[in-house]
Protein backbone atom coordinates (compact mmCIF):
# COMPACT_ATOMS: atom_id res chain seq x y z
CA UNK A 1 1.45 29.23 -57.03
CA UNK A 2 2.85 25.82 -58.04
CA UNK A 3 6.35 27.26 -58.12
CA UNK A 4 5.93 28.75 -54.63
CA UNK A 5 4.58 25.41 -53.31
CA UNK A 6 7.52 23.45 -54.79
CA UNK A 7 10.02 25.94 -53.35
CA UNK A 8 8.36 25.73 -49.92
CA UNK A 9 8.42 21.92 -50.00
CA UNK A 10 12.11 21.92 -51.02
CA UNK A 11 12.95 24.33 -48.18
CA UNK A 12 11.00 22.21 -45.69
CA UNK A 13 12.74 19.04 -46.87
CA UNK A 14 16.14 20.74 -46.53
CA UNK A 15 15.33 21.90 -42.97
CA UNK A 16 14.13 18.44 -41.90
CA UNK A 17 17.19 16.74 -43.42
CA UNK A 18 19.54 19.22 -41.73
CA UNK A 19 17.86 18.72 -38.34
CA UNK A 20 18.34 14.94 -38.36
CA UNK A 21 21.62 13.65 -36.97
CA UNK A 22 23.98 12.01 -39.44
CA UNK A 23 23.79 8.23 -39.34
CA UNK A 24 27.16 6.53 -38.95
CA UNK A 25 26.65 3.22 -40.71
CA UNK A 26 30.36 2.45 -40.96
CA UNK A 27 30.93 -1.21 -40.03
CA UNK A 28 32.63 -1.81 -36.69
CA UNK A 29 34.98 -4.63 -35.73
CA UNK A 30 34.86 -6.66 -32.51
CA UNK A 31 37.74 -8.95 -31.53
CA UNK A 32 36.80 -12.66 -31.63
CA UNK A 33 40.02 -14.64 -31.15
CA UNK A 34 43.68 -15.07 -31.88
CA UNK A 35 44.75 -18.29 -33.59
CA UNK A 36 48.37 -19.35 -32.93
CA UNK A 37 48.98 -21.78 -35.79
CA UNK A 38 51.97 -24.12 -36.02
CA UNK A 39 53.12 -25.00 -39.52
CA UNK A 40 55.00 -27.83 -41.17
CA UNK A 41 57.55 -27.58 -43.94
CA UNK A 42 56.05 -26.04 -47.08
CA UNK A 43 56.27 -27.86 -50.38
CA UNK A 44 55.79 -26.61 -53.91
CA UNK A 45 53.72 -28.19 -56.63
CA UNK A 46 55.62 -25.90 -59.00
CA UNK A 47 54.49 -23.51 -61.68
CA UNK A 48 51.01 -24.30 -62.92
CA UNK A 49 48.97 -22.49 -65.59
CA UNK A 50 47.38 -20.46 -62.73
CA UNK A 51 50.66 -19.58 -60.95
CA UNK A 52 53.16 -21.07 -58.50
CA UNK A 53 51.34 -23.45 -56.10
CA UNK A 54 52.69 -23.91 -52.57
CA UNK A 55 51.14 -25.98 -49.79
CA UNK A 56 51.92 -25.29 -46.12
CA UNK A 57 50.74 -28.01 -43.71
CA UNK A 58 48.92 -26.86 -40.57
CA UNK A 59 50.21 -29.03 -37.73
CA UNK A 60 48.36 -27.66 -34.69
CA UNK A 61 48.32 -24.75 -32.33
CA UNK A 62 45.94 -22.98 -29.99
CA UNK A 63 43.29 -20.28 -30.13
CA UNK A 64 41.69 -18.03 -27.56
CA UNK A 65 39.16 -15.23 -27.43
CA UNK A 66 36.58 -13.76 -25.07
CA UNK A 67 33.97 -16.46 -25.87
CA UNK A 68 36.01 -19.53 -26.86
CA UNK A 69 39.38 -21.24 -26.65
CA UNK A 70 40.95 -24.53 -27.59
CA UNK A 71 43.34 -26.24 -29.98
CA UNK A 72 43.94 -26.30 -33.73
CA UNK A 73 43.70 -29.79 -35.21
CA UNK A 74 46.69 -31.23 -37.09
CA UNK A 75 45.90 -32.07 -40.72
CA UNK A 76 44.81 -28.86 -42.39
CA UNK A 77 46.81 -26.85 -44.91
CA UNK A 78 47.29 -23.40 -46.36
CA UNK A 79 47.08 -23.60 -50.17
CA UNK A 80 48.83 -20.64 -51.77
CA UNK A 81 48.90 -19.57 -55.42
CA UNK A 82 51.51 -16.93 -56.24
CA UNK A 83 51.55 -14.86 -59.41
CA UNK A 84 54.59 -15.55 -61.56
CA UNK A 85 56.02 -12.11 -60.74
CA UNK A 86 55.68 -12.93 -57.01
CA UNK A 87 53.79 -9.73 -56.16
CA UNK A 88 50.41 -11.28 -55.33
CA UNK A 89 49.49 -14.51 -53.58
CA UNK A 90 45.99 -15.88 -53.13
CA UNK A 91 45.60 -18.17 -50.14
CA UNK A 92 43.03 -20.62 -48.89
CA UNK A 93 43.66 -22.27 -45.54
CA UNK A 94 41.36 -25.18 -44.67
CA UNK A 95 41.50 -26.66 -41.17
CA UNK A 96 39.54 -27.42 -38.01
CA UNK A 97 39.68 -26.34 -34.40
CA UNK A 98 38.43 -28.01 -31.23
CA UNK A 99 37.09 -25.95 -28.34
CA UNK A 100 38.05 -26.76 -24.75
CA UNK A 101 34.57 -28.23 -24.24
CA UNK A 102 35.03 -30.67 -27.15
CA UNK A 103 33.22 -28.98 -30.06
CA UNK A 104 34.82 -29.23 -33.53
CA UNK A 105 34.59 -26.18 -35.82
CA UNK A 106 35.67 -26.15 -39.47
CA UNK A 107 37.42 -23.07 -40.91
CA UNK A 108 38.01 -22.00 -44.50
CA UNK A 109 40.14 -18.86 -44.58
CA UNK A 110 40.60 -17.07 -47.93
CA UNK A 111 42.83 -14.06 -48.42
CA UNK A 112 45.54 -12.24 -50.34
CA UNK A 113 49.12 -11.19 -49.82
CA UNK A 114 50.41 -8.32 -51.98
CA UNK A 115 53.81 -6.70 -52.11
CA UNK A 116 55.05 -3.76 -54.09
CA UNK A 117 55.96 -0.11 -53.72
CA UNK A 118 53.93 3.04 -53.26
CA UNK A 119 54.15 6.18 -55.43
CA UNK A 120 57.30 7.24 -53.53
CA UNK A 121 59.04 3.89 -53.97
CA UNK A 122 58.54 2.79 -50.35
CA UNK A 123 57.84 -0.92 -49.89
CA UNK A 124 54.26 -1.95 -49.20
CA UNK A 125 52.90 -5.19 -47.76
CA UNK A 126 49.24 -6.19 -47.51
CA UNK A 127 48.00 -9.43 -45.93
CA UNK A 128 44.36 -9.88 -44.98
CA UNK A 129 41.93 -12.77 -45.06
CA UNK A 130 38.28 -13.58 -44.39
CA UNK A 131 37.69 -16.76 -42.39
CA UNK A 132 34.37 -18.59 -42.62
CA UNK A 133 33.35 -20.77 -39.70
CA UNK A 134 31.20 -23.92 -39.75
CA UNK A 135 30.13 -24.69 -36.20
CA UNK A 136 27.44 -27.20 -35.21
CA UNK A 137 24.06 -25.45 -35.36
CA UNK A 138 23.07 -26.87 -31.97
CA UNK A 139 26.29 -25.83 -30.21
CA UNK A 140 27.17 -22.82 -28.06
CA UNK A 141 29.31 -21.66 -31.03
CA UNK A 142 26.53 -21.49 -33.64
CA UNK A 143 26.92 -17.69 -33.56
CA UNK A 144 30.12 -18.13 -35.60
CA UNK A 145 28.03 -19.31 -38.58
CA UNK A 146 26.14 -16.05 -39.03
CA UNK A 147 28.62 -13.24 -39.55
CA UNK A 148 31.46 -11.96 -41.72
CA UNK A 149 34.96 -12.08 -40.23
CA UNK A 150 38.31 -10.56 -41.15
CA UNK A 151 41.75 -11.50 -39.95
CA UNK A 152 45.26 -10.15 -39.99
CA UNK A 153 48.54 -11.93 -39.27
CA UNK A 154 50.84 -11.22 -36.38
CA UNK A 155 54.16 -12.72 -37.36
CA UNK A 156 55.97 -14.85 -34.79
CA UNK A 157 59.50 -13.88 -33.86
CA UNK A 158 60.41 -17.57 -33.59
CA UNK A 159 59.25 -18.33 -37.14
CA UNK A 160 57.51 -21.56 -36.04
CA UNK A 161 54.10 -20.52 -37.24
CA UNK A 162 51.75 -17.64 -37.63
CA UNK A 163 49.27 -15.87 -35.36
CA UNK A 164 46.01 -14.59 -36.81
CA UNK A 165 43.87 -12.01 -35.06
CA UNK A 166 40.19 -12.40 -36.00
CA UNK A 167 37.45 -9.77 -35.80
CA UNK A 168 33.73 -9.96 -36.55
CA UNK A 169 32.28 -7.22 -38.76
CA UNK A 170 29.36 -5.57 -36.92
């Protein structure tokens, strides 16, 4: 009797599980903004015990998205640390932006750049980062403080800077 009861419960569980729709819990991305960053001349600290250190000054720019727009403040920098073989670079860009209504927001953007080849010898390039925003808690932009973001570069044809498209992970 116990065996029959266990088999019946297993069958019932299987039927209930099959009747429920699959839950798609894959994260979604929503566009937040594009940052158009102007850059100064890079300089190298040289080869350190951790790798080759390069600093790229952030000299300004603009940003715009569905819920905010404004300017990028001069004075930040992108601090890059390249492996000695040149195939992987860690980056940390630290800078601030100012919205059109006068609110300052601090950004710390960490990421990686990797180059190499795939199994067939074709070149590969990967460049992604994860910006973190620090907006005033009492501002209309406080929502930036409470989410995870990802960004991807869009390289400028003029070579004067870099554009970064930013999405929030939902």
